[in-house]
C-alpha atoms as a PDB file:
ATOM      1  CA  UNK A   1     101.570 -24.616 284.721  1.00  0.00           C
ATOM      2  CA  UNK A   2     101.792 -26.889 281.645  1.00  0.00           C
ATOM      3  CA  UNK A   3     101.731 -30.541 282.019  1.00  0.00           C
ATOM      4  CA  UNK A   4     103.224 -32.731 279.316  1.00  0.00           C
ATOM      5  CA  UNK A   5     101.541 -35.986 279.091  1.00  0.00           C
ATOM      6  CA  UNK A   6     102.831 -38.806 276.671  1.00  0.00           C
ATOM      7  CA  UNK A   7     100.417 -39.381 273.781  1.00  0.00           C
ATOM      8  CA  UNK A   8     100.791 -42.980 274.266  1.00  0.00           C
ATOM      9  CA  UNK A   9      98.687 -42.725 277.515  1.00  0.00           C
ATOM     10  CA  UNK A  10      95.802 -41.868 275.060  1.00  0.00           C
ATOM     11  CA  UNK A  11      96.596 -44.267 272.135  1.00  0.00           C
ATOM     12  CA  UNK A  12      93.557 -46.238 271.284  1.00  0.00           C
ATOM     13  CA  UNK A  13      94.011 -50.024 271.410  1.00  0.00           C
ATOM     14  CA  UNK A  14      93.098 -51.502 267.704  1.00  0.00           C
ATOM     15  CA  UNK A  15      89.833 -53.059 267.411  1.00  0.00           C
ATOM     16  CA  UNK A  16      90.199 -57.059 268.109  1.00  0.00           C
ATOM     17  CA  UNK A  17      88.559 -57.567 264.646  1.00  0.00           C
ATOM     18  CA  UNK A  18      91.421 -56.290 262.706  1.00  0.00           C
ATOM     19  CA  UNK A  19      93.901 -58.726 261.248  1.00  0.00           C
ATOM     20  CA  UNK A  20      97.580 -58.900 262.414  1.00  0.00           C
ATOM     21  CA  UNK A  21     100.261 -61.074 261.186  1.00  0.00           C
ATOM     22  CA  UNK A  22      99.905 -63.453 264.105  1.00  0.00           C
ATOM     23  CA  UNK A  23      96.294 -63.716 264.577  1.00  0.00           C
ATOM     24  CA  UNK A  24      94.968 -65.605 261.594  1.00  0.00           C
ATOM     25  CA  UNK A  25      95.529 -68.303 258.922  1.00  0.00           C
ATOM     26  CA  UNK A  26      94.939 -67.563 255.143  1.00  0.00           C
ATOM     27  CA  UNK A  27      93.712 -70.318 252.849  1.00  0.00           C
ATOM     28  CA  UNK A  28      93.854 -70.136 249.418  1.00  0.00           C
ATOM     29  CA  UNK A  29      91.256 -72.589 247.514  1.00  0.00           C
ATOM     30  CA  UNK A  30      91.340 -73.978 244.028  1.00  0.00           C
ATOM     31  CA  UNK A  31      92.937 -71.225 242.098  1.00  0.00           C
ATOM     32  CA  UNK A  32      93.100 -73.394 239.236  1.00  0.00           C
ATOM     33  CA  UNK A  33      92.768 -73.133 235.416  1.00  0.00           C
ATOM     34  CA  UNK A  34      89.564 -75.348 235.059  1.00  0.00           C
ATOM     35  CA  UNK A  35      87.925 -72.995 237.732  1.00  0.00           C
ATOM     36  CA  UNK A  36      89.209 -70.015 236.383  1.00  0.00           C
ATOM     37  CA  UNK A  37      87.844 -70.876 232.798  1.00  0.00           C
ATOM     38  CA  UNK A  38      84.063 -70.592 234.137  1.00  0.00           C
ATOM     39  CA  UNK A  39      84.688 -67.539 236.441  1.00  0.00           C
ATOM     40  CA  UNK A  40      82.894 -64.667 235.043  1.00  0.00           C
ATOM     41  CA  UNK A  41      82.424 -62.089 237.905  1.00  0.00           C
ATOM     42  CA  UNK A  42      86.131 -60.845 237.798  1.00  0.00           C
ATOM     43  CA  UNK A  43      88.357 -60.661 234.823  1.00  0.00           C
ATOM     44  CA  UNK A  44      90.960 -63.776 235.097  1.00  0.00           C
ATOM     45  CA  UNK A  45      93.876 -61.411 234.622  1.00  0.00           C
ATOM     46  CA  UNK A  46      92.643 -59.110 237.532  1.00  0.00           C
ATOM     47  CA  UNK A  47      91.931 -62.254 239.603  1.00  0.00           C
ATOM     48  CA  UNK A  48      95.333 -63.509 239.053  1.00  0.00           C
ATOM     49  CA  UNK A  49      97.173 -60.142 239.940  1.00  0.00           C
ATOM     50  CA  UNK A  50      94.916 -59.730 242.983  1.00  0.00           C
ATOM     51  CA  UNK A  51      95.505 -63.458 244.167  1.00  0.00           C
ATOM     52  CA  UNK A  52      99.309 -63.306 243.841  1.00  0.00           C
ATOM     53  CA  UNK A  53      99.525 -59.880 245.693  1.00  0.00           C
ATOM     54  CA  UNK A  54      97.492 -61.570 248.513  1.00  0.00           C
ATOM     55  CA  UNK A  55     100.090 -64.374 248.691  1.00  0.00           C
ATOM     56  CA  UNK A  56     102.988 -62.136 248.498  1.00  0.00           C
ATOM     57  CA  UNK A  57     101.444 -60.235 251.357  1.00  0.00           C
ATOM     58  CA  UNK A  58     100.801 -63.004 253.627  1.00  0.00           C
ATOM     59  CA  UNK A  59     104.446 -64.390 252.915  1.00  0.00           C
ATOM     60  CA  UNK A  60     105.944 -60.834 253.832  1.00  0.00           C
ATOM     61  CA  UNK A  61     104.059 -61.015 257.172  1.00  0.00           C
ATOM     62  CA  UNK A  62     104.853 -64.707 257.778  1.00  0.00           C
ATOM     63  CA  UNK A  63     101.213 -65.527 258.030  1.00  0.00           C
ATOM     64  CA  UNK A  64     100.647 -69.234 258.048  1.00  0.00           C
ATOM     65  CA  UNK A  65      99.229 -69.990 254.548  1.00  0.00           C
ATOM     66  CA  UNK A  66      97.417 -73.084 253.049  1.00  0.00           C
ATOM     67  CA  UNK A  67      97.137 -73.883 249.568  1.00  0.00           C
ATOM     68  CA  UNK A  68      94.596 -76.242 248.400  1.00  0.00           C
ATOM     69  CA  UNK A  69      93.271 -77.733 245.099  1.00  0.00           C
ATOM     70  CA  UNK A  70      90.492 -79.948 243.575  1.00  0.00           C
ATOM     71  CA  UNK A  71      91.143 -82.689 241.529  1.00  0.00           C
ATOM     72  CA  UNK A  72      94.528 -81.238 240.229  1.00  0.00           C
ATOM     73  CA  UNK A  73      95.605 -84.342 238.250  1.00  0.00           C
ATOM     74  CA  UNK A  74      92.494 -85.506 236.763  1.00  0.00           C
ATOM     75  CA  UNK A  75      90.466 -82.458 236.213  1.00  0.00           C
ATOM     76  CA  UNK A  76      91.233 -78.934 237.415  1.00  0.00           C
ATOM     77  CA  UNK A  77      94.906 -78.533 236.746  1.00  0.00           C
ATOM     78  CA  UNK A  78      97.592 -77.179 238.923  1.00  0.00           C
ATOM     79  CA  UNK A  79      97.424 -74.096 241.083  1.00  0.00           C
ATOM     80  CA  UNK A  80      98.293 -70.934 239.456  1.00  0.00           C
ATOM     81  CA  UNK A  81     101.931 -70.771 238.723  1.00  0.00           C
ATOM     82  CA  UNK A  82     102.570 -67.479 240.285  1.00  0.00           C
ATOM     83  CA  UNK A  83     100.823 -68.458 243.591  1.00  0.00           C
ATOM     84  CA  UNK A  84     103.194 -71.584 243.737  1.00  0.00           C
ATOM     85  CA  UNK A  85     106.202 -69.630 242.931  1.00  0.00           C
ATOM     86  CA  UNK A  86     105.566 -67.338 245.976  1.00  0.00           C
ATOM     87  CA  UNK A  87     105.483 -70.631 248.099  1.00  0.00           C
ATOM     88  CA  UNK A  88     107.873 -72.841 246.067  1.00  0.00           C
ATOM     89  CA  UNK A  89     108.486 -75.570 248.566  1.00  0.00           C
ATOM     90  CA  UNK A  90     104.743 -75.810 249.609  1.00  0.00           C
ATOM     91  CA  UNK A  91     102.630 -78.503 248.049  1.00  0.00           C
ATOM     92  CA  UNK A  92      98.978 -77.728 247.743  1.00  0.00           C
ATOM     93  CA  UNK A  93      96.607 -80.226 249.466  1.00  0.00           C
ATOM     94  CA  UNK A  94      94.523 -81.688 246.841  1.00  0.00           C
ATOM     95  CA  UNK A  95      90.816 -82.706 247.578  1.00  0.00           C
ATOM     96  CA  UNK A  96      87.908 -84.292 246.206  1.00  0.00           C
ATOM     97  CA  UNK A  97      85.424 -82.365 248.544  1.00  0.00           C
ATOM     98  CA  UNK A  98      83.939 -78.949 247.040  1.00  0.00           C
ATOM     99  CA  UNK A  99      83.828 -77.654 250.709  1.00  0.00           C
ATOM    100  CA  UNK A 100      87.363 -77.699 252.045  1.00  0.00           C
ATOM    101  CA  UNK A 101      86.196 -77.829 255.605  1.00  0.00           C
ATOM    102  CA  UNK A 102      84.969 -81.433 254.891  1.00  0.00           C
ATOM    103  CA  UNK A 103      88.573 -82.467 254.091  1.00  0.00           C
ATOM    104  CA  UNK A 104      90.350 -83.772 257.337  1.00  0.00           C
ATOM    105  CA  UNK A 105      93.938 -82.895 255.947  1.00  0.00           C
ATOM    106  CA  UNK A 106      93.173 -79.296 255.533  1.00  0.00           C
ATOM    107  CA  UNK A 107      91.267 -78.886 258.796  1.00  0.00           C
ATOM    108  CA  UNK A 108      94.062 -80.741 260.795  1.00  0.00           C
ATOM    109  CA  UNK A 109      96.337 -78.273 259.229  1.00  0.00           C
ATOM    110  CA  UNK A 110      94.233 -75.259 260.220  1.00  0.00           C
ATOM    111  CA  UNK A 111      93.740 -76.312 263.738  1.00  0.00           C
ATOM    112  CA  UNK A 112      97.764 -77.015 264.097  1.00  0.00           C
ATOM    113  CA  UNK A 113      98.349 -73.075 263.581  1.00  0.00           C
ATOM    114  CA  UNK A 114      96.139 -72.424 266.588  1.00  0.00           C
ATOM    115  CA  UNK A 115      94.482 -69.097 265.080  1.00  0.00           C
ATOM    116  CA  UNK A 116      91.042 -68.225 265.584  1.00  0.00           C
ATOM    117  CA  UNK A 117      90.576 -66.096 262.525  1.00  0.00           C
ATOM    118  CA  UNK A 118      90.674 -67.548 259.114  1.00  0.00           C
ATOM    119  CA  UNK A 119      91.017 -65.476 255.795  1.00  0.00           C
ATOM    120  CA  UNK A 120      89.665 -67.373 252.771  1.00  0.00           C
ATOM    121  CA  UNK A 121      90.069 -66.699 248.961  1.00  0.00           C
ATOM    122  CA  UNK A 122      89.417 -68.872 246.125  1.00  0.00           C
ATOM    123  CA  UNK A 123      87.300 -70.095 243.286  1.00  0.00           C
ATOM    124  CA  UNK A 124      84.255 -70.502 243.116  1.00  0.00           C
ATOM    125  CA  UNK A 125      82.758 -68.012 245.623  1.00  0.00           C
ATOM    126  CA  UNK A 126      79.225 -69.705 245.578  1.00  0.00           C
ATOM    127  CA  UNK A 127      80.758 -73.145 246.170  1.00  0.00           C
ATOM    128  CA  UNK A 128      84.378 -73.590 247.412  1.00  0.00           C
ATOM    129  CA  UNK A 129      84.196 -70.345 249.600  1.00  0.00           C
ATOM    130  CA  UNK A 130      80.583 -70.505 250.998  1.00  0.00           C
ATOM    131  CA  UNK A 131      81.217 -74.035 252.256  1.00  0.00           C
ATOM    132  CA  UNK A 132      84.139 -73.704 254.116  1.00  0.00           C
ATOM    133  CA  UNK A 133      83.231 -69.879 255.487  1.00  0.00           C
ATOM    134  CA  UNK A 134      79.944 -71.144 256.788  1.00  0.00           C
ATOM    135  CA  UNK A 135      81.440 -74.411 258.305  1.00  0.00           C
ATOM    136  CA  UNK A 136      84.444 -72.558 259.901  1.00  0.00           C
ATOM    137  CA  UNK A 137      81.971 -70.134 261.468  1.00  0.00           C
ATOM    138  CA  UNK A 138      79.841 -72.941 262.923  1.00  0.00           C
ATOM    139  CA  UNK A 139      83.253 -74.193 264.381  1.00  0.00           C
ATOM    140  CA  UNK A 140      83.699 -71.105 266.405  1.00  0.00           C
ATOM    141  CA  UNK A 141      86.152 -69.188 264.075  1.00  0.00           C
ATOM    142  CA  UNK A 142      86.144 -65.467 262.774  1.00  0.00           C
ATOM    143  CA  UNK A 143      86.086 -65.812 259.009  1.00  0.00           C
ATOM    144  CA  UNK A 144      87.149 -63.047 256.532  1.00  0.00           C
ATOM    145  CA  UNK A 145      86.886 -63.344 252.728  1.00  0.00           C
ATOM    146  CA  UNK A 146      88.931 -61.699 250.172  1.00  0.00           C
ATOM    147  CA  UNK A 147      86.438 -60.736 247.631  1.00  0.00           C
ATOM    148  CA  UNK A 148      88.703 -59.603 244.787  1.00  0.00           C
ATOM    149  CA  UNK A 149      90.777 -62.741 245.006  1.00  0.00           C
ATOM    150  CA  UNK A 150      87.735 -64.781 244.653  1.00  0.00           C
ATOM    151  CA  UNK A 151      85.106 -65.301 241.787  1.00  0.00           C
ATOM    152  CA  UNK A 152      82.011 -66.884 240.532  1.00  0.00           C
ATOM    153  CA  UNK A 153      80.595 -68.318 237.601  1.00  0.00           C
ATOM    154  CA  UNK A 154      78.388 -65.036 237.396  1.00  0.00           C
ATOM    155  CA  UNK A 155      78.349 -61.761 238.978  1.00  0.00           C
ATOM    156  CA  UNK A 156      75.258 -62.485 240.722  1.00  0.00           C
ATOM    157  CA  UNK A 157      76.543 -65.923 241.843  1.00  0.00           C
ATOM    158  CA  UNK A 158      79.466 -63.975 243.428  1.00  0.00           C
ATOM    159  CA  UNK A 159      77.323 -61.152 245.004  1.00  0.00           C
ATOM    160  CA  UNK A 160      74.697 -63.555 246.186  1.00  0.00           C
ATOM    161  CA  UNK A 161      77.397 -65.635 247.854  1.00  0.00           C
ATOM    162  CA  UNK A 162      79.082 -62.717 249.615  1.00  0.00           C
ATOM    163  CA  UNK A 163      75.803 -61.439 250.752  1.00  0.00           C
ATOM    164  CA  UNK A 164      74.867 -64.939 252.185  1.00  0.00           C
ATOM    165  CA  UNK A 165      78.228 -65.234 254.074  1.00  0.00           C
ATOM    166  CA  UNK A 166      78.112 -61.751 255.323  1.00  0.00           C
ATOM    167  CA  UNK A 167      74.776 -62.492 256.742  1.00  0.00           C
ATOM    168  CA  UNK A 168      76.163 -65.267 258.598  1.00  0.00           C
ATOM    169  CA  UNK A 169      79.204 -63.269 260.171  1.00  0.00           C
ATOM    170  CA  UNK A 170      81.786 -63.397 257.505  1.00  0.00           C
ATOM    171  CA  UNK A 171      83.844 -59.924 257.389  1.00  0.00           C
ATOM    172  CA  UNK A 172      84.483 -59.136 253.646  1.00  0.00           C
ATOM    173  CA  UNK A 173      87.957 -57.506 252.628  1.00  0.00           C
ATOM    174  CA  UNK A 174      89.928 -57.032 249.433  1.00  0.00           C
ATOM    175  CA  UNK A 175      93.529 -57.684 248.978  1.00  0.00           C
ATOM    176  CA  UNK A 176      95.047 -54.131 249.313  1.00  0.00           C
ATOM    177  CA  UNK A 177      93.099 -53.612 252.382  1.00  0.00           C
ATOM    178  CA  UNK A 178      94.583 -57.063 253.761  1.00  0.00           C
ATOM    179  CA  UNK A 179      98.093 -55.792 252.921  1.00  0.00           C
ATOM    180  CA  UNK A 180      97.687 -52.369 254.361  1.00  0.00           C
ATOM    181  CA  UNK A 181      95.841 -53.623 257.688  1.00  0.00           C
ATOM    182  CA  UNK A 182      98.879 -55.839 258.234  1.00  0.00           C
ATOM    183  CA  UNK A 183     101.209 -53.179 257.826  1.00  0.00           C
ATOM    184  CA  UNK A 184      98.944 -50.585 259.834  1.00  0.00           C
ATOM    185  CA  UNK A 185     102.013 -48.304 260.605  1.00  0.00           C
ATOM    186  CA  UNK A 186     104.472 -47.022 258.184  1.00  0.00           C
ATOM    187  CA  UNK A 187     106.997 -46.854 260.778  1.00  0.00           C
ATOM    188  CA  UNK A 188     107.325 -50.660 260.875  1.00  0.00           C
ATOM    189  CA  UNK A 189     110.473 -50.505 258.814  1.00  0.00           C
ATOM    190  CA  UNK A 190     111.200 -54.265 258.655  1.00  0.00           C
ATOM    191  CA  UNK A 191     108.161 -54.792 256.097  1.00  0.00           C
ATOM    192  CA  UNK A 192     108.062 -51.402 254.610  1.00  0.00           C
ATOM    193  CA  UNK A 193     109.920 -51.799 251.526  1.00  0.00           C
ATOM    194  CA  UNK A 194     108.139 -55.250 250.734  1.00  0.00           C
ATOM    195  CA  UNK A 195     104.697 -53.731 251.320  1.00  0.00           C
ATOM    196  CA  UNK A 196     105.519 -50.823 248.967  1.00  0.00           C
ATOM    197  CA  UNK A 197     106.944 -53.250 246.388  1.00  0.00           C
ATOM    198  CA  UNK A 198     103.712 -55.254 246.296  1.00  0.00           C
ATOM    199  CA  UNK A 199     101.653 -52.220 246.101  1.00  0.00           C
ATOM    200  CA  UNK A 200     103.990 -50.846 242.996  1.00  0.00           C
ATOM    201  CA  UNK A 201     103.701 -54.247 241.332  1.00  0.00           C
ATOM    202  CA  UNK A 202      99.948 -55.143 241.915  1.00  0.00           C
ATOM    203  CA  UNK A 203      98.296 -51.921 243.387  1.00  0.00           C
ATOM    204  CA  UNK A 204      97.073 -50.525 239.976  1.00  0.00           C
ATOM    205  CA  UNK A 205      96.930 -46.504 240.319  1.00  0.00           C
ATOM    206  CA  UNK A 206      98.039 -46.727 243.916  1.00  0.00           C
ATOM    207  CA  UNK A 207     101.183 -48.550 243.037  1.00  0.00           C
ATOM    208  CA  UNK A 208     101.772 -46.127 240.084  1.00  0.00           C
ATOM    209  CA  UNK A 209     101.474 -43.124 242.533  1.00  0.00           C
ATOM    210  CA  UNK A 210     103.940 -44.981 244.743  1.00  0.00           C
ATOM    211  CA  UNK A 211     106.426 -45.321 241.869  1.00  0.00           C
ATOM    212  CA  UNK A 212     105.846 -41.584 240.778  1.00  0.00           C
ATOM    213  CA  UNK A 213     106.457 -40.072 244.350  1.00  0.00           C
ATOM    214  CA  UNK A 214     109.614 -42.332 244.777  1.00  0.00           C
ATOM    215  CA  UNK A 215     111.095 -41.417 241.314  1.00  0.00           C
ATOM    216  CA  UNK A 216     110.093 -37.773 241.515  1.00  0.00           C
ATOM    217  CA  UNK A 217     110.734 -36.868 244.992  1.00  0.00           C
ATOM    218  CA  UNK A 218     112.231 -39.548 246.487  1.00  0.00           C
ATOM    219  CA  UNK A 219     109.042 -39.572 248.841  1.00  0.00           C
ATOM    220  CA  UNK A 220     107.915 -42.409 251.060  1.00  0.00           C
ATOM    221  CA  UNK A 221     105.121 -43.128 253.444  1.00  0.00           C
ATOM    222  CA  UNK A 222     105.488 -42.258 257.104  1.00  0.00           C
ATOM    223  CA  UNK A 223     108.486 -40.321 258.495  1.00  0.00           C
END
């Protein structure tokens, strides 16, 4: 006799280390002209593409997102306009501190969301990301850093900073990994079109492949 068992009985639970739309806060730090001028570990056009893709990803999934700048009026300039366009009604929190975690205004907002995971991205990796990443870990948060939406004054500065943070427990990710980790299942139709739209616009060869498949075969991910 054949016994049919629902596959859901055997479905493994996703790892708690994975990001979901409801378990984290995204903090974008100092994506500003003056900071970008000295960024050499990543091409600035690529940095801008990746960062706006990250911001759009968070917005699609309604992830609490904090925008913060340093000395915007007196030195570093405004946040990248394409990031501001994703969150047109949100005023970035401007700071004097290099370590965002030492700014009470930012930390109060982080705590108000009540999430145990924090995702950071920003400029420069070796200063304005290392500081809050290590500080948040010390305060009991699980920290992720989007490496390709961050940059340092040299490749070595960025790489050594990433290594230092990883040794302290930071989990490195990329913007596309972030997007797809939040989607997780192509059957989630509520966000499917927006996710594919972000991939098509910002996802390089992957996005081009999605455009090709749609136009040539009317194909789509999932069933």
